[in-house]
C-alpha atoms as a PDB file:
ATOM      1  CA  MET A   1      -6.056   8.317 -14.709  1.00  0.00           C
ATOM      2  CA  ARG A   2      -3.411   6.767 -12.442  1.00  0.00           C
ATOM      3  CA  ARG A   3      -2.597  10.139 -10.897  1.00  0.00           C
ATOM      4  CA  LEU A   4      -6.293  10.902 -10.372  1.00  0.00           C
ATOM      5  CA  ALA A   5      -6.827   7.547  -8.681  1.00  0.00           C
ATOM      6  CA  LEU A   6      -3.910   8.104  -6.314  1.00  0.00           C
ATOM      7  CA  ALA A   7      -5.035  11.661  -5.621  1.00  0.00           C
ATOM      8  CA  TRP A   8      -8.471  10.282  -4.720  1.00  0.00           C
ATOM      9  CA  VAL A   9      -6.866   7.945  -2.154  1.00  0.00           C
ATOM     10  CA  THR A  10      -5.090  10.964  -0.655  1.00  0.00           C
ATOM     11  CA  VAL A  11      -8.283  13.031  -0.543  1.00  0.00           C
ATOM     12  CA  VAL A  12     -10.128  10.231   1.241  1.00  0.00           C
ATOM     13  CA  ALA A  13      -7.304   9.909   3.761  1.00  0.00           C
ATOM     14  CA  LEU A  14      -7.446  13.652   4.475  1.00  0.00           C
ATOM     15  CA  ALA A  15     -11.180  13.479   5.043  1.00  0.00           C
ATOM     16  CA  LEU A  16     -10.975  10.904   7.831  1.00  0.00           C
ATOM     17  CA  PRO A  17     -11.320  12.468  11.289  1.00  0.00           C
ATOM     18  CA  CYS A  18      -8.366  14.051  13.095  1.00  0.00           C
ATOM     19  CA  ARG A  19      -9.097  13.750  16.806  1.00  0.00           C
ATOM     20  CA  ALA A  20      -7.770  13.489  20.337  1.00  0.00           C
ATOM     21  CA  GLU A  21     -11.031  12.891  22.166  1.00  0.00           C
ATOM     22  CA  GLU A  22     -11.845   9.691  24.067  1.00  0.00           C
ATOM     23  CA  ALA A  23     -15.242   8.956  22.467  1.00  0.00           C
ATOM     24  CA  PRO A  24     -14.985   5.790  20.343  1.00  0.00           C
ATOM     25  CA  ARG A  25     -15.628   5.914  16.616  1.00  0.00           C
ATOM     26  CA  PRO A  26     -17.641   3.324  14.668  1.00  0.00           C
ATOM     27  CA  LEU A  27     -15.936   0.076  13.679  1.00  0.00           C
ATOM     28  CA  TRP A  28     -16.587   0.939  10.036  1.00  0.00           C
ATOM     29  CA  GLU A  29     -18.198   3.771   8.122  1.00  0.00           C
ATOM     30  CA  TYR A  30     -18.742   4.931   4.573  1.00  0.00           C
ATOM     31  CA  GLY A  31     -19.715   8.140   2.841  1.00  0.00           C
ATOM     32  CA  LEU A  32     -18.504  10.857   0.502  1.00  0.00           C
ATOM     33  CA  ALA A  33     -15.107  12.536   0.819  1.00  0.00           C
ATOM     34  CA  GLY A  34     -13.753  15.404  -1.200  1.00  0.00           C
ATOM     35  CA  GLY A  35     -11.249  18.218  -1.217  1.00  0.00           C
ATOM     36  CA  TYR A  36      -8.508  20.118  -3.012  1.00  0.00           C
ATOM     37  CA  LEU A  37      -4.804  19.301  -2.629  1.00  0.00           C
ATOM     38  CA  SER A  38      -1.534  20.869  -3.749  1.00  0.00           C
ATOM     39  CA  TRP A  39       1.819  19.124  -3.199  1.00  0.00           C
ATOM     40  CA  PRO A  40       5.290  18.907  -4.828  1.00  0.00           C
ATOM     41  CA  GLU A  41       5.866  16.025  -7.257  1.00  0.00           C
ATOM     42  CA  TYR A  42       8.763  15.018  -4.998  1.00  0.00           C
ATOM     43  CA  LEU A  43      10.452  16.829  -2.136  1.00  0.00           C
ATOM     44  CA  GLY A  44      12.610  19.547  -3.708  1.00  0.00           C
ATOM     45  CA  SER A  45      10.761  19.604  -7.051  1.00  0.00           C
ATOM     46  CA  ASP A  46       9.560  22.867  -8.559  1.00  0.00           C
ATOM     47  CA  VAL A  47       6.602  21.012 -10.118  1.00  0.00           C
ATOM     48  CA  HIS A  48       3.431  21.122  -8.003  1.00  0.00           C
ATOM     49  CA  LEU A  49       0.574  18.677  -8.509  1.00  0.00           C
ATOM     50  CA  ARG A  50      -3.009  19.715  -7.810  1.00  0.00           C
ATOM     51  CA  ALA A  51      -6.210  17.720  -7.590  1.00  0.00           C
ATOM     52  CA  GLY A  52      -9.815  18.365  -6.609  1.00  0.00           C
ATOM     53  CA  LEU A  53     -12.108  15.365  -6.211  1.00  0.00           C
ATOM     54  CA  ALA A  54     -15.267  14.125  -4.495  1.00  0.00           C
ATOM     55  CA  LEU A  55     -15.752  10.347  -4.377  1.00  0.00           C
ATOM     56  CA  PRO A  56     -17.057   7.648  -2.009  1.00  0.00           C
ATOM     57  CA  TYR A  57     -14.917   6.292   0.833  1.00  0.00           C
ATOM     58  CA  PHE A  58     -14.950   3.352   3.236  1.00  0.00           C
ATOM     59  CA  THR A  59     -12.855   3.020   6.408  1.00  0.00           C
ATOM     60  CA  TYR A  60     -12.383   0.184   8.886  1.00  0.00           C
ATOM     61  CA  ARG A  61     -11.067   0.278  12.489  1.00  0.00           C
ATOM     62  CA  GLY A  62     -10.592  -3.304  13.665  1.00  0.00           C
ATOM     63  CA  GLU A  63      -8.704  -4.389  16.757  1.00  0.00           C
ATOM     64  CA  ARG A  64      -5.785  -5.856  14.776  1.00  0.00           C
ATOM     65  CA  PHE A  65      -6.241  -4.332  11.331  1.00  0.00           C
ATOM     66  CA  ARG A  66      -7.002  -0.736  10.413  1.00  0.00           C
ATOM     67  CA  ALA A  67      -7.293   1.220   7.193  1.00  0.00           C
ATOM     68  CA  GLY A  68      -7.517   4.995   7.392  1.00  0.00           C
ATOM     69  CA  ARG A  69      -5.591   8.265   7.279  1.00  0.00           C
ATOM     70  CA  ASP A  70      -2.215   6.668   7.997  1.00  0.00           C
ATOM     71  CA  GLY A  71      -2.778   3.915   5.408  1.00  0.00           C
ATOM     72  CA  ALA A  72      -3.437   0.236   6.012  1.00  0.00           C
ATOM     73  CA  ARG A  73      -1.718  -1.287   9.035  1.00  0.00           C
ATOM     74  CA  GLY A  74      -1.745  -4.229  11.386  1.00  0.00           C
ATOM     75  CA  VAL A  75      -1.538  -3.677  15.153  1.00  0.00           C
ATOM     76  CA  LEU A  76       1.153  -5.817  16.794  1.00  0.00           C
ATOM     77  CA  ILE A  77       1.306  -4.379  20.340  1.00  0.00           C
ATOM     78  CA  SER A  78      -1.102  -2.072  22.162  1.00  0.00           C
ATOM     79  CA  ARG A  79      -0.296  -1.045  25.737  1.00  0.00           C
ATOM     80  CA  ASP A  80      -1.232   1.827  28.013  1.00  0.00           C
ATOM     81  CA  ARG A  81       1.123   4.373  26.430  1.00  0.00           C
ATOM     82  CA  PHE A  82       2.943   2.361  23.781  1.00  0.00           C
ATOM     83  CA  SER A  83       1.909   0.790  20.500  1.00  0.00           C
ATOM     84  CA  LEU A  84       3.637  -0.958  17.625  1.00  0.00           C
ATOM     85  CA  ASP A  85       2.085  -1.540  14.223  1.00  0.00           C
ATOM     86  CA  VAL A  86       3.125  -2.442  10.691  1.00  0.00           C
ATOM     87  CA  GLY A  87       1.909  -0.096   7.983  1.00  0.00           C
ATOM     88  CA  PHE A  88       1.902   0.351   4.230  1.00  0.00           C
ATOM     89  CA  GLY A  89       2.004   3.579   2.237  1.00  0.00           C
ATOM     90  CA  ILE A  90       2.285   4.758  -1.379  1.00  0.00           C
ATOM     91  CA  ASP A  91       4.323   7.530  -3.019  1.00  0.00           C
ATOM     92  CA  LEU A  92       3.148   8.998  -6.312  1.00  0.00           C
ATOM     93  CA  PRO A  93       5.117   8.452  -9.548  1.00  0.00           C
ATOM     94  CA  VAL A  94       7.570  11.130 -10.704  1.00  0.00           C
ATOM     95  CA  SER A  95       7.611  12.136 -14.358  1.00  0.00           C
ATOM     96  CA  ALA A  96      10.518  13.377 -16.492  1.00  0.00           C
ATOM     97  CA  ARG A  97       8.451  16.066 -18.170  1.00  0.00           C
ATOM     98  CA  GLU A  98       9.935  18.726 -20.398  1.00  0.00           C
ATOM     99  CA  GLY A  99      11.377  21.646 -18.459  1.00  0.00           C
ATOM    100  CA  SER A 100      11.595  19.747 -15.179  1.00  0.00           C
ATOM    101  CA  ALA A 101      14.818  18.943 -13.311  1.00  0.00           C
ATOM    102  CA  ARG A 102      14.490  15.293 -14.456  1.00  0.00           C
ATOM    103  CA  GLU A 103      13.986  16.046 -18.146  1.00  0.00           C
ATOM    104  CA  GLY A 104      15.697  13.319 -20.168  1.00  0.00           C
ATOM    105  CA  MET A 105      15.997  10.994 -17.166  1.00  0.00           C
ATOM    106  CA  PRO A 106      13.827   7.922 -16.534  1.00  0.00           C
ATOM    107  CA  SER A 107      10.471   8.569 -14.888  1.00  0.00           C
ATOM    108  CA  LEU A 108       9.997   6.984 -11.460  1.00  0.00           C
ATOM    109  CA  PRO A 109       7.105   4.531 -10.971  1.00  0.00           C
ATOM    110  CA  ILE A 110       4.786   4.252  -7.975  1.00  0.00           C
ATOM    111  CA  THR A 111       6.702   3.464  -4.793  1.00  0.00           C
ATOM    112  CA  GLY A 112       5.332   1.426  -1.908  1.00  0.00           C
ATOM    113  CA  GLU A 113       6.561   1.657   1.682  1.00  0.00           C
ATOM    114  CA  LEU A 114       6.233  -1.123   4.262  1.00  0.00           C
ATOM    115  CA  GLY A 115       7.513  -1.331   7.830  1.00  0.00           C
ATOM    116  CA  PRO A 116       6.945  -0.915  11.577  1.00  0.00           C
ATOM    117  CA  ARG A 117       5.948   2.197  13.509  1.00  0.00           C
ATOM    118  CA  ALA A 118       6.341   2.685  17.250  1.00  0.00           C
ATOM    119  CA  GLN A 119       4.275   5.266  19.152  1.00  0.00           C
ATOM    120  CA  VAL A 120       4.805   6.507  22.712  1.00  0.00           C
ATOM    121  CA  ALA A 121       2.259   8.774  24.426  1.00  0.00           C
ATOM    122  CA  LEU A 122       4.330  11.311  26.362  1.00  0.00           C
ATOM    123  CA  TYR A 123       1.285  13.141  27.692  1.00  0.00           C
ATOM    124  CA  HIS A 124      -2.451  12.582  27.544  1.00  0.00           C
ATOM    125  CA  GLY A 125      -4.833  14.822  29.465  1.00  0.00           C
ATOM    126  CA  LEU A 126      -6.725  18.124  29.489  1.00  0.00           C
ATOM    127  CA  LYS A 127      -7.985  17.320  25.964  1.00  0.00           C
ATOM    128  CA  THR A 128      -4.379  17.330  24.721  1.00  0.00           C
ATOM    129  CA  THR A 129      -2.107  14.528  23.549  1.00  0.00           C
ATOM    130  CA  VAL A 130       1.662  14.595  22.934  1.00  0.00           C
ATOM    131  CA  THR A 131       2.902  11.553  21.020  1.00  0.00           C
ATOM    132  CA  LEU A 132       6.360  10.542  19.837  1.00  0.00           C
ATOM    133  CA  ARG A 133       6.182   8.444  16.649  1.00  0.00           C
ATOM    134  CA  ALA A 134       9.015   6.530  14.993  1.00  0.00           C
ATOM    135  CA  PRO A 135       8.130   4.861  11.669  1.00  0.00           C
ATOM    136  CA  PHE A 136      10.758   2.905   9.736  1.00  0.00           C
ATOM    137  CA  ARG A 137       9.867   1.628   6.274  1.00  0.00           C
ATOM    138  CA  TRP A 138      11.468  -0.170   3.353  1.00  0.00           C
ATOM    139  CA  ALA A 139      10.603   1.259  -0.053  1.00  0.00           C
ATOM    140  CA  PHE A 140      10.137  -0.648  -3.312  1.00  0.00           C
ATOM    141  CA  ASP A 141       8.689   0.356  -6.658  1.00  0.00           C
ATOM    142  CA  THR A 142       6.220  -1.317  -9.009  1.00  0.00           C
ATOM    143  CA  ASP A 143       9.089  -2.355 -11.299  1.00  0.00           C
ATOM    144  CA  GLY A 144      10.401  -4.610  -8.533  1.00  0.00           C
ATOM    145  CA  HIS A 145      13.372  -2.465  -7.459  1.00  0.00           C
ATOM    146  CA  ASN A 146      14.486  -2.080  -3.847  1.00  0.00           C
ATOM    147  CA  VAL A 147      14.490   1.688  -3.340  1.00  0.00           C
ATOM    148  CA  GLY A 148      15.966   1.729   0.194  1.00  0.00           C
ATOM    149  CA  TRP A 149      14.746   2.663   3.652  1.00  0.00           C
ATOM    150  CA  ILE A 150      13.072   5.752   5.130  1.00  0.00           C
ATOM    151  CA  ALA A 151      12.589   6.910   8.729  1.00  0.00           C
ATOM    152  CA  ASP A 152      10.203   9.735   9.690  1.00  0.00           C
ATOM    153  CA  PRO A 153      10.424  10.364  13.460  1.00  0.00           C
ATOM    154  CA  ASP A 154       8.129  13.135  14.660  1.00  0.00           C
ATOM    155  CA  LEU A 155       6.554  14.787  17.690  1.00  0.00           C
ATOM    156  CA  LEU A 156       2.787  15.179  17.408  1.00  0.00           C
ATOM    157  CA  ILE A 157       0.757  17.556  19.586  1.00  0.00           C
ATOM    158  CA  GLY A 158      -3.011  17.617  19.198  1.00  0.00           C
ATOM    159  CA  GLY A 159      -6.231  18.245  21.015  1.00  0.00           C
ATOM    160  CA  GLU A 160      -9.634  19.855  21.164  1.00  0.00           C
ATOM    161  CA  ALA A 161      -9.944  23.636  20.992  1.00  0.00           C
ATOM    162  CA  PHE A 162     -12.164  25.933  23.059  1.00  0.00           C
ATOM    163  CA  TYR A 163     -14.969  25.657  20.505  1.00  0.00           C
ATOM    164  CA  ASP A 164     -17.058  22.476  20.620  1.00  0.00           C
ATOM    165  CA  GLY A 165     -16.344  20.291  17.592  1.00  0.00           C
ATOM    166  CA  LEU A 166     -13.050  21.982  16.726  1.00  0.00           C
ATOM    167  CA  SER A 167      -9.769  20.056  17.005  1.00  0.00           C
ATOM    168  CA  ALA A 168      -6.243  20.723  15.766  1.00  0.00           C
ATOM    169  CA  TYR A 169      -2.727  19.355  15.748  1.00  0.00           C
ATOM    170  CA  VAL A 170       0.841  20.427  15.052  1.00  0.00           C
ATOM    171  CA  ASP A 171       3.535  17.996  13.979  1.00  0.00           C
ATOM    172  CA  PHE A 172       7.337  18.477  13.970  1.00  0.00           C
ATOM    173  CA  GLY A 173       9.486  15.857  12.283  1.00  0.00           C
ATOM    174  CA  ALA A 174      12.426  14.840  10.125  1.00  0.00           C
ATOM    175  CA  LYS A 175      12.871  12.648   7.057  1.00  0.00           C
ATOM    176  CA  ILE A 176      15.950  10.398   7.070  1.00  0.00           C
ATOM    177  CA  ALA A 177      16.769   7.993   4.232  1.00  0.00           C
ATOM    178  CA  SER A 178      19.330   5.533   2.917  1.00  0.00           C
ATOM    179  CA  ALA A 179      21.829   6.276   0.167  1.00  0.00           C
ATOM    180  CA  SER A 180      19.895   4.097  -2.303  1.00  0.00           C
ATOM    181  CA  TYR A 181      16.664   6.010  -1.616  1.00  0.00           C
ATOM    182  CA  GLY A 182      18.537   9.285  -2.113  1.00  0.00           C
ATOM    183  CA  ALA A 183      20.077   7.980  -5.334  1.00  0.00           C
ATOM    184  CA  THR A 184      16.630   7.075  -6.684  1.00  0.00           C
ATOM    185  CA  TYR A 185      15.173  10.551  -6.222  1.00  0.00           C
ATOM    186  CA  TYR A 186      18.229  12.837  -6.233  1.00  0.00           C
ATOM    187  CA  GLY A 187      21.138  10.984  -7.873  1.00  0.00           C
ATOM    188  CA  VAL A 188      22.348  11.794 -11.394  1.00  0.00           C
ATOM    189  CA  ALA A 189      24.250   9.066 -13.250  1.00  0.00           C
ATOM    190  CA  PRO A 190      26.932  10.070 -15.811  1.00  0.00           C
ATOM    191  CA  ALA A 191      24.621   8.998 -18.666  1.00  0.00           C
ATOM    192  CA  TYR A 192      22.101  11.699 -17.651  1.00  0.00           C
ATOM    193  CA  ALA A 193      24.514  14.531 -16.889  1.00  0.00           C
ATOM    194  CA  THR A 194      24.179  17.699 -18.960  1.00  0.00           C
ATOM    195  CA  ALA A 195      25.690  21.167 -18.976  1.00  0.00           C
ATOM    196  CA  ASP A 196      23.039  22.223 -16.443  1.00  0.00           C
ATOM    197  CA  ARG A 197      22.855  18.947 -14.503  1.00  0.00           C
ATOM    198  CA  ARG A 198      26.101  17.596 -13.090  1.00  0.00           C
ATOM    199  CA  VAL A 199      26.773  14.038 -11.937  1.00  0.00           C
ATOM    200  CA  TYR A 200      25.575  13.622  -8.368  1.00  0.00           C
ATOM    201  CA  GLU A 201      25.913  10.762  -5.872  1.00  0.00           C
ATOM    202  CA  ALA A 202      23.474  10.895  -2.963  1.00  0.00           C
ATOM    203  CA  ARG A 203      24.440  10.046   0.620  1.00  0.00           C
ATOM    204  CA  GLU A 204      22.624   8.494   3.545  1.00  0.00           C
ATOM    205  CA  GLY A 205      21.285  10.820   6.220  1.00  0.00           C
ATOM    206  CA  LEU A 206      18.834  13.641   6.914  1.00  0.00           C
ATOM    207  CA  HIS A 207      16.800  14.768   3.905  1.00  0.00           C
ATOM    208  CA  ALA A 208      14.482  17.387   5.400  1.00  0.00           C
ATOM    209  CA  LEU A 209      12.893  18.890   8.474  1.00  0.00           C
ATOM    210  CA  TYR A 210       9.175  19.641   8.414  1.00  0.00           C
ATOM    211  CA  ALA A 211       6.274  21.081  10.368  1.00  0.00           C
ATOM    212  CA  THR A 212       2.585  20.398   9.766  1.00  0.00           C
ATOM    213  CA  LEU A 213      -0.493  22.204  11.033  1.00  0.00           C
ATOM    214  CA  GLY A 214      -3.980  20.728  10.704  1.00  0.00           C
ATOM    215  CA  MET A 215      -7.471  21.665  11.873  1.00  0.00           C
ATOM    216  CA  ARG A 216     -10.860  19.969  11.762  1.00  0.00           C
ATOM    217  CA  ILE A 217     -14.375  21.111  12.616  1.00  0.00           C
ATOM    218  CA  ALA A 218     -17.341  18.793  13.059  1.00  0.00           C
ATOM    219  CA  PHE A 219     -20.612  20.500  12.142  1.00  0.00           C
ATOM    220  CA  ASP A 220     -22.587  17.485  13.356  1.00  0.00           C
ATOM    221  CA  GLU A 221     -22.089  13.718  13.608  1.00  0.00           C
ATOM    222  CA  ASP A 222     -21.944  13.285   9.831  1.00  0.00           C
ATOM    223  CA  TRP A 223     -20.497  16.494   8.315  1.00  0.00           C
ATOM    224  CA  THR A 224     -16.884  17.564   8.910  1.00  0.00           C
ATOM    225  CA  ALA A 225     -14.375  19.801   7.160  1.00  0.00           C
ATOM    226  CA  GLY A 226     -10.811  20.936   7.685  1.00  0.00           C
ATOM    227  CA  PHE A 227      -7.446  21.866   6.250  1.00  0.00           C
ATOM    228  CA  TYR A 228      -3.753  21.136   6.650  1.00  0.00           C
ATOM    229  CA  GLY A 229      -0.507  22.791   5.631  1.00  0.00           C
ATOM    230  CA  LYS A 230       2.984  21.251   5.620  1.00  0.00           C
ATOM    231  CA  TYR A 231       6.258  23.203   5.385  1.00  0.00           C
ATOM    232  CA  SER A 232       9.447  21.295   4.484  1.00  0.00           C
ATOM    233  CA  ASP A 233      13.049  22.550   4.570  1.00  0.00           C
ATOM    234  CA  MET A 234      15.867  20.588   2.882  1.00  0.00           C
ATOM    235  CA  SER A 235      18.619  23.156   3.400  1.00  0.00           C
ATOM    236  CA  ALA A 236      20.257  21.159   6.226  1.00  0.00           C
ATOM    237  CA  GLY A 237      19.885  17.825   4.430  1.00  0.00           C
ATOM    238  CA  VAL A 238      22.507  15.656   2.732  1.00  0.00           C
ATOM    239  CA  VAL A 239      20.841  15.956  -0.700  1.00  0.00           C
ATOM    240  CA  ALA A 240      20.256  19.714  -0.634  1.00  0.00           C
ATOM    241  CA  ASP A 241      23.049  20.238  -3.204  1.00  0.00           C
ATOM    242  CA  SER A 242      21.579  17.785  -5.730  1.00  0.00           C
ATOM    243  CA  PRO A 243      20.855  19.398  -9.127  1.00  0.00           C
ATOM    244  CA  LEU A 244      17.420  17.764  -8.914  1.00  0.00           C
ATOM    245  CA  VAL A 245      16.549  19.910  -5.867  1.00  0.00           C
ATOM    246  CA  ARG A 246      15.213  23.143  -7.300  1.00  0.00           C
ATOM    247  CA  ARG A 247      13.201  24.266  -4.270  1.00  0.00           C
ATOM    248  CA  PRO A 248      14.884  23.449  -0.936  1.00  0.00           C
ATOM    249  CA  THR A 249      11.824  24.775   0.904  1.00  0.00           C
ATOM    250  CA  ASP A 250       8.261  23.983  -0.023  1.00  0.00           C
ATOM    251  CA  THR A 251       4.670  23.963   1.195  1.00  0.00           C
ATOM    252  CA  ALA A 252       1.904  21.435   0.637  1.00  0.00           C
ATOM    253  CA  PHE A 253      -1.682  22.099   1.646  1.00  0.00           C
ATOM    254  CA  GLY A 254      -5.160  20.683   1.406  1.00  0.00           C
ATOM    255  CA  VAL A 255      -8.770  21.468   2.273  1.00  0.00           C
ATOM    256  CA  TRP A 256     -11.289  18.653   2.674  1.00  0.00           C
ATOM    257  CA  PHE A 257     -14.780  17.666   3.720  1.00  0.00           C
ATOM    258  CA  THR A 258     -16.485  14.405   4.583  1.00  0.00           C
ATOM    259  CA  TRP A 259     -20.131  13.385   4.644  1.00  0.00           C
ATOM    260  CA  ARG A 260     -20.717  10.150   6.513  1.00  0.00           C
ATOM    261  CA  ILE A 261     -23.691   8.298   5.052  1.00  0.00           C
ATOM    262  CA  GLY A 262     -23.606   5.066   7.054  1.00  0.00           C
ATOM    263  CA  ARG A 263     -21.825   3.486  10.010  1.00  0.00           C
ATOM    264  CA  SER A 264     -21.692   0.302  12.053  1.00  0.00           C
ATOM    265  CA  GLU A 265     -23.629  -0.102  15.273  1.00  0.00           C
ATOM    266  CA  ALA A 266     -20.501  -1.478  16.949  1.00  0.00           C
ATOM    267  CA  ASP A 267     -17.735   0.875  18.076  1.00  0.00           C
ATOM    268  CA  GLU A 268     -14.020   0.413  17.531  1.00  0.00           C
ATOM    269  CA  GLU A 269     -11.885  -1.283  20.139  1.00  0.00           C
ATOM    270  CA  ARG A 270      -9.010   1.045  20.945  1.00  0.00           C
ATOM    271  CA  GLU A 271      -6.311   0.893  23.571  1.00  0.00           C
ATOM    272  CA  GLY A 272      -3.254   2.945  24.508  1.00  0.00           C
ATOM    273  CA  VAL A 273      -1.973   5.395  21.918  1.00  0.00           C
ATOM    274  CA  ILE A 274      -3.459   3.619  18.902  1.00  0.00           C
ATOM    275  CA  ASP A 275      -5.198   6.315  16.818  1.00  0.00           C
ATOM    276  CA  ILE A 276      -5.271   8.928  19.587  1.00  0.00           C
ATOM    277  CA  ILE A 277      -4.395  11.351  16.806  1.00  0.00           C
ATOM    278  CA  GLU A 278      -4.518  10.802  13.076  1.00  0.00           C
ATOM    279  CA  THR A 279      -2.797  13.292  10.826  1.00  0.00           C
ATOM    280  CA  ASP A 280      -3.147  14.675   7.317  1.00  0.00           C
ATOM    281  CA  GLY A 281      -0.807  13.574   4.555  1.00  0.00           C
ATOM    282  CA  ARG A 282       1.506  11.209   6.529  1.00  0.00           C
END
C-alpha cells in the first residue's frame, strides 16, 4: 500500500502540464490523473518497479508557495531571469528482496530531500526556453538518519512544437552526492559481505549522467496526455564499481493523462523563470 501511494504521487506529478508558453495557468485546479510508470528501485538496481493508477489530484500555484510536478516548494526570490526556491522531494523505499543485490542487507526506508534550487533563464523566445537549474538538497530518512547531500545540476530546453497544443522538452544533467549518501545506497559493510558481494566504501562525487525527453499534447483545455523517458549512465561515476550496481545504464519511462474537472477563476502570479518549464520525474 505504501508503494502504491507513493506511485500515485508520482503519477499525479507526471500529469501536471509541461509547458513553455506565456499564458497563465489557474491558481488552483483539480481533476483526475493517471498513467503507467516503470523505474529502477534505485539507480543501478536490476529491479524495476511498475505502477498503473488513476486517482484524483489537486495542484496549487501561489505566489510564494507551489505544489506540483517538482514537488512542494516555497519561492524565495523571483527576478527577470533568476529565481531561487526551497523544495521538498521524496525517494521511494528500497527493499532487500530475495535475489536482489541487497539480499540479506537492511531495507532502506522512505527518504526525504529538502533544500534550495536556483534557476537561470539563459534564453527565452521564439516559443523556446533554455534554463540552467542547480538544486542542492539534504537527504534524511523516516528513521531519523541523515543520509547526506545531493546536487542535480541540469540544462533544460523546452518549447512548443509546430503543432498547436504540442510541447516538448529535453533535459541534460548530472547527479552528484556526498560520501554518506553513497554509503547508504551503494556501501557494503563487513557484516553484509558475502562471496558474491565484497566490502565496499563509497566516495563523494559524480554518481551518474542522464538525459530526459518529454512530450505533452493538449487535446483541449481540460484533457492532456504525454510521455517521458529518462536514460541514466553510471559508468563514469564514483560508485560504478559498487557490487550493488548491477545495471550501470538504465531507462525509466512513463505515459500519463490528466482530466481537469475544476479550476479557479483567478490565474497564477508568475514572474521570471519560475515554472517556465516543469519536467517529468524530477
